[in-house]
Amino acid sequence: MLRSQWFRASRAVAPLFLALLAALPAAARTLRVSAEPGALELALALSLDGDTLRLAPGLYGSSPLPTDLGPTLFVLERPLTLIGEEGAVLHGGLTARLLLVEPEASGSKLVNLELRGGLAWAGGALFSRGAEVELHHCKLSENVGQCDGGAIYAEGGNLVLSACNFESNRAGEHGGALYIVGGAAQVRASAFIGDDAALGGALYLAPRGQAQLESCLLVDGSAVQGGWACVDDGFLSARQTTFFGLANEPESGGIRLRGERGSAFLETSILCFAGGPALSGERAGAAMLVCCNVYGNRGGDWAGPVAAQAALGGNLSANPAFCGLRRGHFGLDPRSPCAPANNPCGELIGALDVGCTDEGPEDATAARSEGEN
């Protein structure tokens, strides 16, 4: 009853509010949004192109809107910037997708928001339909794609992610965290931890899908094939990225290359402790590695499409000598072969630089065993 009264009141004042907004200069505005029921829906309805919505701390849910892509809490139909104050969470309670971004909303940005508990057949947290979307300093956790894209499904367009954390997202089929088809994603300084799918625990690149990773962490992905990534007629590039360990599937390979065009180019990256081979695929030469450290993968380090590259291009196979695994950190010991001073490429290999001075390197296998017990 109270909610229906609130909506009736909001509809009554909306024309007046719109008239007041129309009298303001056309320059983009910043509007503060409370976590009261219906406040974000009203703000989205009354916003203009280029506006910034600043979300106060609290949980933002809603009665799902019917869309052609299934029930969705919020829909962006114009370019907006949503900035969350500390503690602002879009929360679906595993009842509906959190956010749909339409093509006309290209240029939208999400900043400092948590997207949690979304559920949809594709893109539990966010479905981008051919739009250009940026996420900065966002956390996406415990979202579910019943088929594809546990957290994000991007169909065409361009996706930019920086300093984002993906954790414990899952998909029934493809892409526990990200599913990219016919579009591109640039991902920088972001972490994927414990995401799960049948194919591509963290990432799934469908035909014409591309992803570029830089300074990223992919840890403990789980999949039947490609615990870190599955590249199916798409293209994956990674620079100074750490791929570490796989959970639950002891024989799962790290990066799986599929189809006639599935390929990868990796440089100055670490690929270690996968349950199966670091990379696998039917086509020799489908992947190229330069200045990479591939080590401790049960199914083979330099095997499959990279079998001939072990001694080429500054590549190596040596213990990375992380020094914070027991605390979930991936900094390097000063003596690590991945530190710039200790490898022939003279560059940082992996996502994180030297992060300790007196602890000494840890044995990764021992550290992981302790954490599992």
Foldseek 3Di string as FASTA:
>chain_A
DVVVVVVVVCVVCVVVVLVVVVPDDPDAEEAEFEQPAPRVVSCQVSHDAAHEYEYEADEHFYFFDQDPQGTEGEEHQHAYEYEYDPRYEHEYLLPAEYYEYEANRANHEYEQYEYENAEGLAARHYEYEQHHYEYELYEYEHAENQAYARHYEYEHHEYEYENYEYEHAEYAAYASHYEFELYEYEYELYEYEAAEYQAARHYEYAANYEYEYELYEYYAAYHVEASHYEFANYEYEYEQAEYYEHPDRLAYEHYEAHDPQGAYEYELEEQEHYSAEPYAYDDAQRYHYALYEFEHHNNDGCDHNRVPPCPPRQYHYDDQQAQQVLVPDGAHEPQGCQALVNTPVSHHRHNHYHDDYPRTGDDVVVSVVVVVD
